[in-house]
N, C-alpha and C. Protein backbone atom coordinates (compact mmCIF):
# COMPACT_ATOMS: atom_id res chain seq x y z
N MET A 1 126.73 92.41 90.67
CA MET A 1 126.41 93.74 90.21
C MET A 1 127.38 94.16 89.10
N SER A 2 128.19 93.24 88.61
CA SER A 2 129.20 93.60 87.63
C SER A 2 128.60 94.08 86.30
N GLU A 3 127.40 93.65 85.98
CA GLU A 3 126.76 94.09 84.74
C GLU A 3 126.36 95.55 84.78
N LEU A 4 126.19 96.12 85.94
CA LEU A 4 125.66 97.47 86.08
C LEU A 4 126.75 98.49 86.38
N SER A 5 126.84 99.49 85.54
CA SER A 5 127.80 100.58 85.76
C SER A 5 127.19 101.58 86.74
N ASP A 6 128.00 102.52 87.17
CA ASP A 6 127.49 103.59 88.03
C ASP A 6 126.39 104.37 87.32
N LYS A 7 126.57 104.57 86.02
CA LYS A 7 125.56 105.28 85.22
C LYS A 7 124.24 104.49 85.22
N ASP A 8 124.35 103.16 85.05
CA ASP A 8 123.15 102.31 85.07
C ASP A 8 122.43 102.43 86.41
N LEU A 9 123.20 102.35 87.49
CA LEU A 9 122.61 102.44 88.83
C LEU A 9 121.91 103.77 89.03
N LYS A 10 122.53 104.84 88.56
CA LYS A 10 121.93 106.17 88.69
C LYS A 10 120.63 106.24 87.90
N GLN A 11 120.60 105.63 86.71
CA GLN A 11 119.38 105.62 85.91
C GLN A 11 118.27 104.84 86.60
N PHE A 12 118.61 103.68 87.16
CA PHE A 12 117.61 102.91 87.90
C PHE A 12 117.12 103.70 89.11
N GLU A 13 118.05 104.34 89.81
CA GLU A 13 117.66 105.13 90.98
C GLU A 13 116.69 106.25 90.59
N GLN A 14 117.00 106.96 89.51
CA GLN A 14 116.11 108.04 89.06
C GLN A 14 114.74 107.48 88.66
N ARG A 15 114.76 106.34 88.01
CA ARG A 15 113.50 105.69 87.62
C ARG A 15 112.67 105.34 88.85
N PHE A 16 113.33 104.78 89.87
CA PHE A 16 112.63 104.40 91.10
C PHE A 16 112.10 105.63 91.84
N LEU A 17 112.91 106.67 91.91
CA LEU A 17 112.47 107.88 92.60
C LEU A 17 111.25 108.50 91.91
N ALA A 18 111.27 108.51 90.59
CA ALA A 18 110.13 109.06 89.85
C ALA A 18 108.88 108.20 90.06
N ARG A 19 109.07 106.88 90.04
CA ARG A 19 107.92 105.98 90.23
C ARG A 19 107.39 106.09 91.65
N ARG A 20 108.29 106.22 92.63
CA ARG A 20 107.85 106.37 94.01
C ARG A 20 107.01 107.63 94.17
N ASP A 21 107.46 108.73 93.58
CA ASP A 21 106.69 109.97 93.65
C ASP A 21 105.33 109.82 92.99
N GLU A 22 105.31 109.13 91.85
CA GLU A 22 104.04 108.91 91.15
C GLU A 22 103.09 108.05 91.98
N LEU A 23 103.62 106.98 92.58
CA LEU A 23 102.79 106.11 93.42
C LEU A 23 102.26 106.86 94.65
N ARG A 24 103.10 107.67 95.25
CA ARG A 24 102.65 108.46 96.41
C ARG A 24 101.48 109.36 96.02
N ARG A 25 101.60 109.99 94.86
CA ARG A 25 100.54 110.88 94.39
C ARG A 25 99.26 110.09 94.12
N ILE A 26 99.39 108.94 93.46
CA ILE A 26 98.22 108.11 93.15
C ILE A 26 97.53 107.67 94.43
N ILE A 27 98.31 107.14 95.37
CA ILE A 27 97.73 106.65 96.63
C ILE A 27 97.09 107.80 97.40
N HIS A 28 97.78 108.92 97.47
CA HIS A 28 97.25 110.09 98.18
C HIS A 28 95.93 110.54 97.56
N ASP A 29 95.91 110.68 96.23
CA ASP A 29 94.70 111.14 95.55
C ASP A 29 93.54 110.16 95.72
N GLU A 30 93.85 108.86 95.64
CA GLU A 30 92.79 107.86 95.79
C GLU A 30 92.24 107.84 97.21
N LEU A 31 93.12 107.99 98.20
CA LEU A 31 92.64 108.02 99.58
C LEU A 31 91.81 109.27 99.85
N LEU A 32 92.22 110.39 99.30
CA LEU A 32 91.41 111.60 99.45
C LEU A 32 90.04 111.43 98.80
N ALA A 33 90.02 110.85 97.61
CA ALA A 33 88.75 110.63 96.91
C ALA A 33 87.88 109.67 97.71
N THR A 34 88.51 108.63 98.25
CA THR A 34 87.76 107.66 99.05
C THR A 34 87.19 108.34 100.28
N GLN A 35 88.01 109.14 100.92
CA GLN A 35 87.55 109.82 102.13
C GLN A 35 86.37 110.72 101.81
N ARG A 36 86.47 111.44 100.74
CA ARG A 36 85.39 112.36 100.39
C ARG A 36 84.12 111.61 99.98
N GLU A 37 84.28 110.58 99.16
CA GLU A 37 83.11 109.93 98.59
C GLU A 37 82.47 108.91 99.52
N GLU A 38 83.24 107.87 99.85
CA GLU A 38 82.64 106.77 100.60
C GLU A 38 82.72 106.95 102.11
N PHE A 39 83.90 107.31 102.61
CA PHE A 39 84.07 107.37 104.05
C PHE A 39 83.16 108.40 104.68
N VAL A 40 83.10 109.57 104.11
CA VAL A 40 82.26 110.62 104.67
C VAL A 40 80.80 110.19 104.63
N GLU A 41 80.40 109.56 103.53
CA GLU A 41 79.02 109.09 103.41
C GLU A 41 78.74 107.99 104.44
N LEU A 42 79.67 107.03 104.55
CA LEU A 42 79.47 105.94 105.50
C LEU A 42 79.50 106.46 106.94
N ALA A 43 80.42 107.34 107.22
CA ALA A 43 80.53 107.86 108.58
C ALA A 43 79.25 108.57 109.00
N GLY A 44 78.60 109.21 108.07
CA GLY A 44 77.34 109.90 108.38
C GLY A 44 76.21 108.93 108.66
N GLN A 45 76.36 107.68 108.20
CA GLN A 45 75.31 106.69 108.38
C GLN A 45 75.53 105.81 109.60
N VAL A 46 76.68 105.91 110.24
CA VAL A 46 76.99 105.05 111.39
C VAL A 46 76.21 105.52 112.61
N HIS A 47 75.43 104.58 113.13
CA HIS A 47 74.62 104.91 114.30
C HIS A 47 74.90 103.98 115.48
N ASP A 48 75.44 102.80 115.22
CA ASP A 48 75.78 101.90 116.31
C ASP A 48 77.03 101.10 115.93
N SER A 49 77.48 100.24 116.85
CA SER A 49 78.73 99.51 116.61
C SER A 49 78.62 98.55 115.44
N GLY A 50 77.45 98.00 115.18
CA GLY A 50 77.26 97.13 114.01
C GLY A 50 77.44 97.90 112.72
N ASP A 51 76.83 99.08 112.66
CA ASP A 51 76.99 99.94 111.48
C ASP A 51 78.45 100.35 111.32
N GLU A 52 79.10 100.62 112.44
CA GLU A 52 80.51 101.03 112.40
C GLU A 52 81.37 99.90 111.84
N SER A 53 81.09 98.66 112.24
CA SER A 53 81.85 97.51 111.74
C SER A 53 81.67 97.36 110.24
N ILE A 54 80.45 97.52 109.76
CA ILE A 54 80.19 97.43 108.32
C ILE A 54 80.92 98.55 107.59
N ALA A 55 80.88 99.74 108.13
CA ALA A 55 81.58 100.87 107.50
C ALA A 55 83.07 100.60 107.43
N GLU A 56 83.65 100.07 108.52
CA GLU A 56 85.07 99.76 108.53
C GLU A 56 85.39 98.67 107.52
N LEU A 57 84.51 97.67 107.40
CA LEU A 57 84.71 96.60 106.42
C LEU A 57 84.71 97.16 105.00
N LEU A 58 83.74 98.01 104.70
CA LEU A 58 83.67 98.59 103.36
C LEU A 58 84.89 99.46 103.07
N ILE A 59 85.36 100.18 104.05
CA ILE A 59 86.57 100.98 103.88
C ILE A 59 87.76 100.06 103.65
N GLY A 60 87.80 98.95 104.40
CA GLY A 60 88.88 97.97 104.22
C GLY A 60 88.89 97.37 102.84
N ILE A 61 87.71 97.09 102.31
CA ILE A 61 87.61 96.56 100.95
C ILE A 61 88.15 97.57 99.95
N ASP A 62 87.80 98.83 100.14
CA ASP A 62 88.29 99.87 99.25
C ASP A 62 89.81 99.97 99.34
N LEU A 63 90.34 99.90 100.55
CA LEU A 63 91.79 99.97 100.72
C LEU A 63 92.48 98.76 100.11
N ALA A 64 91.82 97.60 100.14
CA ALA A 64 92.38 96.41 99.51
C ALA A 64 92.55 96.63 98.02
N GLY A 65 91.70 97.45 97.45
CA GLY A 65 91.84 97.79 96.04
C GLY A 65 93.10 98.59 95.77
N ARG A 66 93.68 99.17 96.78
CA ARG A 66 94.91 99.95 96.66
C ARG A 66 96.15 99.09 96.92
N GLN A 67 95.92 97.83 97.23
CA GLN A 67 97.01 96.94 97.61
C GLN A 67 98.11 96.87 96.55
N ARG A 68 97.73 96.84 95.29
CA ARG A 68 98.73 96.74 94.22
C ARG A 68 99.70 97.92 94.28
N GLU A 69 99.16 99.13 94.42
CA GLU A 69 100.02 100.30 94.50
C GLU A 69 100.91 100.26 95.74
N LEU A 70 100.35 99.81 96.86
CA LEU A 70 101.13 99.74 98.09
C LEU A 70 102.25 98.72 97.98
N GLU A 71 101.97 97.57 97.36
CA GLU A 71 103.00 96.55 97.17
C GLU A 71 104.09 97.04 96.23
N GLU A 72 103.69 97.73 95.16
CA GLU A 72 104.68 98.28 94.25
C GLU A 72 105.55 99.32 94.96
N MET A 73 104.93 100.13 95.80
CA MET A 73 105.68 101.13 96.57
C MET A 73 106.72 100.44 97.45
N GLN A 74 106.35 99.34 98.10
CA GLN A 74 107.29 98.60 98.93
C GLN A 74 108.44 98.04 98.10
N ASP A 75 108.11 97.52 96.91
CA ASP A 75 109.15 96.99 96.02
C ASP A 75 110.12 98.08 95.58
N VAL A 76 109.59 99.25 95.26
CA VAL A 76 110.43 100.37 94.83
C VAL A 76 111.33 100.82 95.98
N GLU A 77 110.76 100.93 97.18
CA GLU A 77 111.56 101.33 98.36
C GLU A 77 112.67 100.31 98.61
N ALA A 78 112.35 99.02 98.50
CA ALA A 78 113.35 97.98 98.72
C ALA A 78 114.46 98.06 97.66
N ALA A 79 114.09 98.34 96.42
CA ALA A 79 115.09 98.47 95.36
C ALA A 79 116.01 99.67 95.62
N LEU A 80 115.45 100.77 96.08
CA LEU A 80 116.27 101.94 96.43
C LEU A 80 117.23 101.61 97.57
N GLU A 81 116.76 100.83 98.54
CA GLU A 81 117.63 100.41 99.64
C GLU A 81 118.76 99.52 99.14
N ARG A 82 118.45 98.63 98.16
CA ARG A 82 119.50 97.77 97.61
C ARG A 82 120.53 98.59 96.83
N ILE A 83 120.08 99.64 96.15
CA ILE A 83 121.04 100.52 95.46
C ILE A 83 121.97 101.16 96.48
N THR A 84 121.41 101.68 97.56
CA THR A 84 122.20 102.32 98.62
C THR A 84 123.18 101.33 99.25
N ALA A 85 122.72 100.10 99.45
CA ALA A 85 123.55 99.08 100.09
C ALA A 85 124.58 98.47 99.14
N GLY A 86 124.44 98.75 97.85
CA GLY A 86 125.37 98.19 96.87
C GLY A 86 125.03 96.78 96.43
N SER A 87 123.80 96.34 96.70
CA SER A 87 123.42 94.97 96.34
C SER A 87 122.36 94.92 95.24
N PHE A 88 122.03 96.07 94.66
CA PHE A 88 121.04 96.08 93.58
C PHE A 88 121.60 95.30 92.39
N GLY A 89 120.77 94.43 91.83
CA GLY A 89 121.18 93.62 90.69
C GLY A 89 121.76 92.28 91.09
N GLU A 90 121.84 92.01 92.39
CA GLU A 90 122.31 90.72 92.88
C GLU A 90 121.12 89.92 93.38
N CYS A 91 121.10 88.64 93.06
CA CYS A 91 120.03 87.75 93.51
C CYS A 91 120.11 87.60 95.03
N MET A 92 118.99 87.80 95.70
CA MET A 92 118.98 87.70 97.16
C MET A 92 119.12 86.26 97.65
N ASP A 93 118.91 85.28 96.76
CA ASP A 93 119.01 83.88 97.17
C ASP A 93 120.40 83.30 96.91
N CYS A 94 120.90 83.45 95.67
CA CYS A 94 122.17 82.82 95.32
C CYS A 94 123.34 83.80 95.23
N GLY A 95 123.06 85.10 95.17
CA GLY A 95 124.12 86.10 95.10
C GLY A 95 124.64 86.36 93.70
N ASP A 96 124.18 85.61 92.71
CA ASP A 96 124.59 85.85 91.33
C ASP A 96 123.97 87.14 90.81
N ASP A 97 124.53 87.64 89.71
CA ASP A 97 123.96 88.82 89.07
C ASP A 97 122.60 88.49 88.47
N ILE A 98 121.68 89.41 88.57
CA ILE A 98 120.40 89.30 87.88
C ILE A 98 120.63 89.82 86.47
N ASN A 99 120.20 89.06 85.49
CA ASN A 99 120.40 89.41 84.09
C ASN A 99 119.87 90.81 83.81
N ARG A 100 120.63 91.60 83.06
CA ARG A 100 120.25 92.98 82.76
C ARG A 100 118.89 93.06 82.07
N SER A 101 118.62 92.12 81.16
CA SER A 101 117.32 92.16 80.46
C SER A 101 116.17 91.92 81.44
N ARG A 102 116.41 91.12 82.47
CA ARG A 102 115.37 90.91 83.50
C ARG A 102 115.16 92.20 84.28
N LEU A 103 116.23 92.88 84.64
CA LEU A 103 116.10 94.15 85.37
C LEU A 103 115.43 95.22 84.52
N ASP A 104 115.71 95.22 83.23
CA ASP A 104 115.06 96.20 82.35
C ASP A 104 113.56 95.94 82.29
N ALA A 105 113.17 94.66 82.25
CA ALA A 105 111.75 94.31 82.17
C ALA A 105 111.06 94.42 83.52
N TYR A 106 111.76 94.07 84.59
CA TYR A 106 111.20 94.05 85.94
C TYR A 106 112.24 94.64 86.90
N PRO A 107 112.33 95.96 86.93
CA PRO A 107 113.43 96.63 87.65
C PRO A 107 113.53 96.32 89.14
N THR A 108 112.43 95.96 89.78
CA THR A 108 112.49 95.70 91.22
C THR A 108 112.78 94.23 91.52
N ALA A 109 113.19 93.47 90.52
CA ALA A 109 113.47 92.04 90.71
C ALA A 109 114.49 91.85 91.84
N LYS A 110 114.19 90.88 92.71
CA LYS A 110 115.07 90.57 93.83
C LYS A 110 115.84 89.28 93.60
N ARG A 111 115.39 88.51 92.61
CA ARG A 111 115.99 87.20 92.36
C ARG A 111 116.31 87.04 90.88
N CYS A 112 117.33 86.22 90.60
CA CYS A 112 117.59 85.84 89.22
C CYS A 112 116.44 84.95 88.76
N LEU A 113 116.34 84.73 87.47
CA LEU A 113 115.21 83.97 86.93
C LEU A 113 115.16 82.55 87.50
N ARG A 114 116.31 81.90 87.62
CA ARG A 114 116.35 80.53 88.15
C ARG A 114 115.81 80.48 89.59
N CYS A 115 116.28 81.39 90.44
CA CYS A 115 115.84 81.40 91.84
C CYS A 115 114.39 81.85 91.96
N GLN A 116 113.94 82.76 91.10
CA GLN A 116 112.55 83.20 91.13
C GLN A 116 111.63 82.04 90.76
N THR A 117 112.03 81.25 89.76
CA THR A 117 111.23 80.09 89.36
C THR A 117 111.15 79.10 90.52
N ARG A 118 112.29 78.85 91.18
CA ARG A 118 112.31 77.94 92.33
C ARG A 118 111.43 78.49 93.46
N TYR A 119 111.52 79.79 93.71
CA TYR A 119 110.72 80.43 94.77
C TYR A 119 109.22 80.28 94.48
N GLU A 120 108.82 80.55 93.25
CA GLU A 120 107.40 80.45 92.90
C GLU A 120 106.91 79.01 92.99
N THR A 121 107.74 78.06 92.60
CA THR A 121 107.36 76.65 92.71
C THR A 121 107.19 76.27 94.17
N THR A 122 108.09 76.73 95.02
CA THR A 122 108.00 76.46 96.46
C THR A 122 106.74 77.08 97.05
N GLN A 123 106.39 78.29 96.63
CA GLN A 123 105.19 78.96 97.13
C GLN A 123 103.92 78.22 96.74
N ARG A 124 103.96 77.48 95.64
CA ARG A 124 102.80 76.69 95.21
C ARG A 124 102.81 75.30 95.83
N GLY A 125 103.73 75.06 96.74
CA GLY A 125 103.82 73.75 97.37
C GLY A 125 104.45 72.72 96.47
N GLY A 126 105.30 73.16 95.55
CA GLY A 126 105.98 72.24 94.66
C GLY A 126 105.18 71.85 93.44
N ARG A 127 103.99 72.40 93.30
CA ARG A 127 103.13 72.05 92.16
C ARG A 127 103.57 72.80 90.92
N ASP A 128 103.36 72.17 89.79
CA ASP A 128 103.62 72.80 88.50
C ASP A 128 102.58 73.89 88.28
N ALA A 129 102.96 74.94 87.58
CA ALA A 129 102.05 76.06 87.32
C ALA A 129 101.04 75.74 86.23
N THR A 130 101.22 74.61 85.54
CA THR A 130 100.30 74.25 84.47
C THR A 130 98.93 73.93 85.06
N PRO A 131 97.89 74.58 84.58
CA PRO A 131 96.56 74.31 85.13
C PRO A 131 96.11 72.88 84.83
N SER A 132 95.44 72.28 85.77
CA SER A 132 94.91 70.93 85.55
C SER A 132 93.40 71.00 85.39
N LEU A 133 92.88 70.12 84.60
CA LEU A 133 91.43 70.10 84.37
C LEU A 133 90.79 68.94 85.05
């Protein structure tokens, strides 16, 4: 965390708090819109357990569309926790500092570029990311 001053940390914290508030508003508004538009309509059409299952599935599909916002919210919350714990800007795998330019581009980064590359390669089962034909 040596690259980051107290001022830097405060700026990141303010950025995260603002983004968290924005995401909460987006998710809240989308869920209200969903409830009004689709859920209320589907709920009115449910007459048996089969219809109920289909309605729940359709609602689940709609909620899956919100997954990106929910994942970003989790990343923002985790970054705020790292600021509080004093570990923001440190790679969770090797403990080295995360490059400032990486944090500026991707503020919720949990890993340095080297460890992130290794992590992504491991997640693909060791395969190269280059598409094969």
